[in-house]
């Protein structure tokens, strides 16, 4: 099997998807899995910006490296990545609207690998919302890797 490559997508690419990118990279590394991971937004609201300070704080609190400059999903992403994971249904619809005819990436709600639940946007809330997103991303990362790469040896 070729090395999976993943694009994690939310709306602005400063909260959920940078956390998801950082956590998925971290979990894959801990499991000894070679994985390319990036993140992007369906909107152009924050292009070039660093992740939200609360996203950085929750990752650092959990000793997960995070470094990213926000960007918008591009047509080439649908050919460059094997998997594109949407944070919620609105992001999934946005991805489907811009998906080129020659797309090769599998585009799914990230929650489809576990419980079909969206990742709620913590932007307008407090620290607790970012902590919940982080924990959900850990669970989703393991579920995704279990399905795509294989379950961890017990």
C-alpha atoms as a PDB file:
ATOM      1  CA  UNK A   1       0.000   0.000   0.000  1.00  0.00           C
ATOM      2  CA  UNK A   2       1.287   3.480  -0.812  1.00  0.00           C
ATOM      3  CA  UNK A   3       1.791   5.982   1.973  1.00  0.00           C
ATOM      4  CA  UNK A   4      -1.502   7.655   2.842  1.00  0.00           C
ATOM      5  CA  UNK A   5      -1.634  11.430   2.618  1.00  0.00           C
ATOM      6  CA  UNK A   6      -4.294  13.376   4.447  1.00  0.00           C
ATOM      7  CA  UNK A   7      -5.753  16.876   4.251  1.00  0.00           C
ATOM      8  CA  UNK A   8      -7.814  17.884   7.305  1.00  0.00           C
ATOM      9  CA  UNK A   9     -10.360  20.590   6.472  1.00  0.00           C
ATOM     10  CA  UNK A  10     -12.474  23.029   8.481  1.00  0.00           C
ATOM     11  CA  UNK A  11     -13.858  26.489   7.679  1.00  0.00           C
ATOM     12  CA  UNK A  12     -11.042  28.938   8.418  1.00  0.00           C
ATOM     13  CA  UNK A  13      -8.039  26.635   9.009  1.00  0.00           C
ATOM     14  CA  UNK A  14      -7.114  28.220  12.337  1.00  0.00           C
ATOM     15  CA  UNK A  15      -8.920  26.050  14.944  1.00  0.00           C
ATOM     16  CA  UNK A  16     -10.132  22.531  14.179  1.00  0.00           C
ATOM     17  CA  UNK A  17      -8.069  21.557  11.152  1.00  0.00           C
ATOM     18  CA  UNK A  18      -4.673  22.709  12.499  1.00  0.00           C
ATOM     19  CA  UNK A  19      -5.394  20.784  15.729  1.00  0.00           C
ATOM     20  CA  UNK A  20      -6.471  17.799  13.635  1.00  0.00           C
ATOM     21  CA  UNK A  21      -3.348  18.021  11.473  1.00  0.00           C
ATOM     22  CA  UNK A  22      -1.046  18.237  14.515  1.00  0.00           C
ATOM     23  CA  UNK A  23      -2.802  15.420  16.391  1.00  0.00           C
ATOM     24  CA  UNK A  24      -2.977  13.070  13.390  1.00  0.00           C
ATOM     25  CA  UNK A  25       0.757  13.614  12.686  1.00  0.00           C
ATOM     26  CA  UNK A  26       1.548  12.997  16.362  1.00  0.00           C
ATOM     27  CA  UNK A  27      -0.595   9.856  16.705  1.00  0.00           C
ATOM     28  CA  UNK A  28       0.784   8.416  13.443  1.00  0.00           C
ATOM     29  CA  UNK A  29       4.353   9.066  14.608  1.00  0.00           C
ATOM     30  CA  UNK A  30       3.644   7.432  17.993  1.00  0.00           C
ATOM     31  CA  UNK A  31       2.255   4.394  16.148  1.00  0.00           C
ATOM     32  CA  UNK A  32       5.234   4.236  13.779  1.00  0.00           C
ATOM     33  CA  UNK A  33       3.126   5.064  10.730  1.00  0.00           C
ATOM     34  CA  UNK A  34       4.557   7.071   7.833  1.00  0.00           C
ATOM     35  CA  UNK A  35       1.885   9.631   6.997  1.00  0.00           C
ATOM     36  CA  UNK A  36       1.809  12.968   5.181  1.00  0.00           C
ATOM     37  CA  UNK A  37      -0.660  15.395   6.803  1.00  0.00           C
ATOM     38  CA  UNK A  38      -1.661  18.986   6.016  1.00  0.00           C
ATOM     39  CA  UNK A  39      -4.722  21.117   6.699  1.00  0.00           C
ATOM     40  CA  UNK A  40      -6.731  23.776   4.904  1.00  0.00           C
ATOM     41  CA  UNK A  41      -9.957  25.742   5.098  1.00  0.00           C
ATOM     42  CA  UNK A  42     -12.942  25.928   2.792  1.00  0.00           C
ATOM     43  CA  UNK A  43     -12.927  29.725   3.199  1.00  0.00           C
ATOM     44  CA  UNK A  44     -10.276  32.342   2.563  1.00  0.00           C
ATOM     45  CA  UNK A  45     -10.906  34.227   5.832  1.00  0.00           C
ATOM     46  CA  UNK A  46      -7.536  33.598   7.492  1.00  0.00           C
ATOM     47  CA  UNK A  47      -5.032  32.809   4.697  1.00  0.00           C
ATOM     48  CA  UNK A  48      -1.456  33.100   5.982  1.00  0.00           C
ATOM     49  CA  UNK A  49      -2.442  33.356   9.657  1.00  0.00           C
ATOM     50  CA  UNK A  50      -1.067  31.177  12.445  1.00  0.00           C
ATOM     51  CA  UNK A  51      -3.476  28.833  14.261  1.00  0.00           C
ATOM     52  CA  UNK A  52      -5.697  30.399  16.924  1.00  0.00           C
ATOM     53  CA  UNK A  53      -3.768  30.883  20.195  1.00  0.00           C
ATOM     54  CA  UNK A  54      -6.147  28.472  21.928  1.00  0.00           C
ATOM     55  CA  UNK A  55      -5.402  25.771  19.308  1.00  0.00           C
ATOM     56  CA  UNK A  56      -1.679  26.235  19.919  1.00  0.00           C
ATOM     57  CA  UNK A  57      -2.192  26.196  23.704  1.00  0.00           C
ATOM     58  CA  UNK A  58      -4.160  22.921  23.771  1.00  0.00           C
ATOM     59  CA  UNK A  59      -1.605  21.200  21.552  1.00  0.00           C
ATOM     60  CA  UNK A  60       1.338  22.443  23.617  1.00  0.00           C
ATOM     61  CA  UNK A  61      -0.451  21.444  26.826  1.00  0.00           C
ATOM     62  CA  UNK A  62      -0.551  17.901  25.401  1.00  0.00           C
ATOM     63  CA  UNK A  63       3.036  18.035  24.065  1.00  0.00           C
ATOM     64  CA  UNK A  64       1.876  17.908  20.446  1.00  0.00           C
ATOM     65  CA  UNK A  65       3.880  20.108  18.043  1.00  0.00           C
ATOM     66  CA  UNK A  66       1.770  22.528  15.993  1.00  0.00           C
ATOM     67  CA  UNK A  67       2.991  24.841  13.247  1.00  0.00           C
ATOM     68  CA  UNK A  68       0.844  25.895  10.319  1.00  0.00           C
ATOM     69  CA  UNK A  69      -0.057  28.882   8.160  1.00  0.00           C
ATOM     70  CA  UNK A  70      -3.732  28.925   7.190  1.00  0.00           C
ATOM     71  CA  UNK A  71      -4.551  28.241   3.563  1.00  0.00           C
ATOM     72  CA  UNK A  72      -7.611  27.565   1.442  1.00  0.00           C
ATOM     73  CA  UNK A  73      -8.341  24.220  -0.222  1.00  0.00           C
ATOM     74  CA  UNK A  74      -7.069  24.162  -3.828  1.00  0.00           C
ATOM     75  CA  UNK A  75      -8.209  21.995  -6.756  1.00  0.00           C
ATOM     76  CA  UNK A  76      -4.823  20.223  -6.764  1.00  0.00           C
ATOM     77  CA  UNK A  77      -5.438  19.019  -3.183  1.00  0.00           C
ATOM     78  CA  UNK A  78      -8.034  16.591  -4.555  1.00  0.00           C
ATOM     79  CA  UNK A  79      -5.296  14.882  -6.598  1.00  0.00           C
ATOM     80  CA  UNK A  80      -2.356  15.350  -4.225  1.00  0.00           C
ATOM     81  CA  UNK A  81      -3.898  13.712  -1.128  1.00  0.00           C
ATOM     82  CA  UNK A  82      -5.335  10.207  -0.787  1.00  0.00           C
ATOM     83  CA  UNK A  83      -7.835  11.321   1.888  1.00  0.00           C
ATOM     84  CA  UNK A  84      -9.563  14.621   2.606  1.00  0.00           C
ATOM     85  CA  UNK A  85     -11.249  14.720   6.014  1.00  0.00           C
ATOM     86  CA  UNK A  86     -13.961  17.318   6.661  1.00  0.00           C
ATOM     87  CA  UNK A  87     -14.565  18.574  10.203  1.00  0.00           C
ATOM     88  CA  UNK A  88     -18.333  18.893   9.712  1.00  0.00           C
ATOM     89  CA  UNK A  89     -21.133  18.519   7.166  1.00  0.00           C
ATOM     90  CA  UNK A  90     -20.906  22.152   5.999  1.00  0.00           C
ATOM     91  CA  UNK A  91     -17.205  21.657   5.242  1.00  0.00           C
ATOM     92  CA  UNK A  92     -18.007  18.389   3.457  1.00  0.00           C
ATOM     93  CA  UNK A  93     -20.609  20.150   1.271  1.00  0.00           C
ATOM     94  CA  UNK A  94     -18.108  22.927   0.543  1.00  0.00           C
ATOM     95  CA  UNK A  95     -15.523  20.360  -0.524  1.00  0.00           C
ATOM     96  CA  UNK A  96     -18.008  18.552  -2.761  1.00  0.00           C
ATOM     97  CA  UNK A  97     -18.880  21.872  -4.459  1.00  0.00           C
ATOM     98  CA  UNK A  98     -15.238  22.552  -5.448  1.00  0.00           C
ATOM     99  CA  UNK A  99     -14.195  18.950  -6.086  1.00  0.00           C
ATOM    100  CA  UNK A 100     -12.758  18.675  -9.609  1.00  0.00           C
ATOM    101  CA  UNK A 101     -13.924  15.941 -12.004  1.00  0.00           C
ATOM    102  CA  UNK A 102     -10.502  14.287 -11.968  1.00  0.00           C
ATOM    103  CA  UNK A 103     -10.297  14.130  -8.159  1.00  0.00           C
ATOM    104  CA  UNK A 104      -8.655  10.998  -6.797  1.00  0.00           C
ATOM    105  CA  UNK A 105      -8.863  11.730  -3.054  1.00  0.00           C
ATOM    106  CA  UNK A 106     -11.458  10.030  -0.890  1.00  0.00           C
ATOM    107  CA  UNK A 107     -13.484  12.883   0.648  1.00  0.00           C
ATOM    108  CA  UNK A 108     -15.334  12.063   3.873  1.00  0.00           C
ATOM    109  CA  UNK A 109     -16.536  13.482   7.146  1.00  0.00           C
ATOM    110  CA  UNK A 110     -13.689  12.656   9.548  1.00  0.00           C
ATOM    111  CA  UNK A 111     -16.267  11.429  12.038  1.00  0.00           C
ATOM    112  CA  UNK A 112     -17.346   8.760   9.523  1.00  0.00           C
ATOM    113  CA  UNK A 113     -14.358   6.725  10.698  1.00  0.00           C
ATOM    114  CA  UNK A 114     -15.732   6.577  14.255  1.00  0.00           C
ATOM    115  CA  UNK A 115     -19.172   7.833  15.246  1.00  0.00           C
ATOM    116  CA  UNK A 116     -20.337  10.105  12.377  1.00  0.00           C
ATOM    117  CA  UNK A 117     -20.186  13.118  14.696  1.00  0.00           C
ATOM    118  CA  UNK A 118     -18.925  16.471  13.418  1.00  0.00           C
ATOM    119  CA  UNK A 119     -16.113  18.318  15.155  1.00  0.00           C
ATOM    120  CA  UNK A 120     -17.835  21.364  16.681  1.00  0.00           C
ATOM    121  CA  UNK A 121     -16.282  24.746  15.921  1.00  0.00           C
ATOM    122  CA  UNK A 122     -14.755  26.048  19.186  1.00  0.00           C
ATOM    123  CA  UNK A 123     -13.930  29.523  17.800  1.00  0.00           C
ATOM    124  CA  UNK A 124     -16.586  31.491  19.702  1.00  0.00           C
ATOM    125  CA  UNK A 125     -16.246  29.505  22.916  1.00  0.00           C
ATOM    126  CA  UNK A 126     -13.636  29.097  25.593  1.00  0.00           C
ATOM    127  CA  UNK A 127     -10.708  26.845  26.408  1.00  0.00           C
ATOM    128  CA  UNK A 128     -12.953  23.853  27.183  1.00  0.00           C
ATOM    129  CA  UNK A 129     -14.197  23.725  23.575  1.00  0.00           C
ATOM    130  CA  UNK A 130     -10.631  23.520  22.278  1.00  0.00           C
ATOM    131  CA  UNK A 131      -9.820  20.765  24.777  1.00  0.00           C
ATOM    132  CA  UNK A 132     -12.873  18.808  23.571  1.00  0.00           C
ATOM    133  CA  UNK A 133     -11.803  19.271  19.925  1.00  0.00           C
ATOM    134  CA  UNK A 134      -8.316  18.026  20.823  1.00  0.00           C
ATOM    135  CA  UNK A 135      -9.681  14.899  22.542  1.00  0.00           C
ATOM    136  CA  UNK A 136     -12.067  14.226  19.651  1.00  0.00           C
ATOM    137  CA  UNK A 137      -9.155  14.550  17.185  1.00  0.00           C
ATOM    138  CA  UNK A 138      -7.159  11.971  19.170  1.00  0.00           C
ATOM    139  CA  UNK A 139     -10.062   9.500  18.942  1.00  0.00           C
ATOM    140  CA  UNK A 140     -10.665  10.273  15.265  1.00  0.00           C
ATOM    141  CA  UNK A 141      -6.957   9.953  14.434  1.00  0.00           C
ATOM    142  CA  UNK A 142      -6.803   6.477  15.949  1.00  0.00           C
ATOM    143  CA  UNK A 143     -10.049   5.410  14.241  1.00  0.00           C
ATOM    144  CA  UNK A 144      -8.840   6.724  10.871  1.00  0.00           C
ATOM    145  CA  UNK A 145      -5.462   4.999  11.182  1.00  0.00           C
ATOM    146  CA  UNK A 146      -7.114   1.760  12.342  1.00  0.00           C
ATOM    147  CA  UNK A 147      -9.287   1.683   9.223  1.00  0.00           C
ATOM    148  CA  UNK A 148      -6.810   2.967   6.637  1.00  0.00           C
ATOM    149  CA  UNK A 149      -3.534   1.476   7.882  1.00  0.00           C
ATOM    150  CA  UNK A 150      -4.665  -1.290  10.225  1.00  0.00           C
ATOM    151  CA  UNK A 151      -5.319  -1.806  13.907  1.00  0.00           C
ATOM    152  CA  UNK A 152      -2.479  -1.495  16.374  1.00  0.00           C
ATOM    153  CA  UNK A 153      -1.002  -4.744  17.560  1.00  0.00           C
ATOM    154  CA  UNK A 154      -2.299  -5.382  21.068  1.00  0.00           C
END
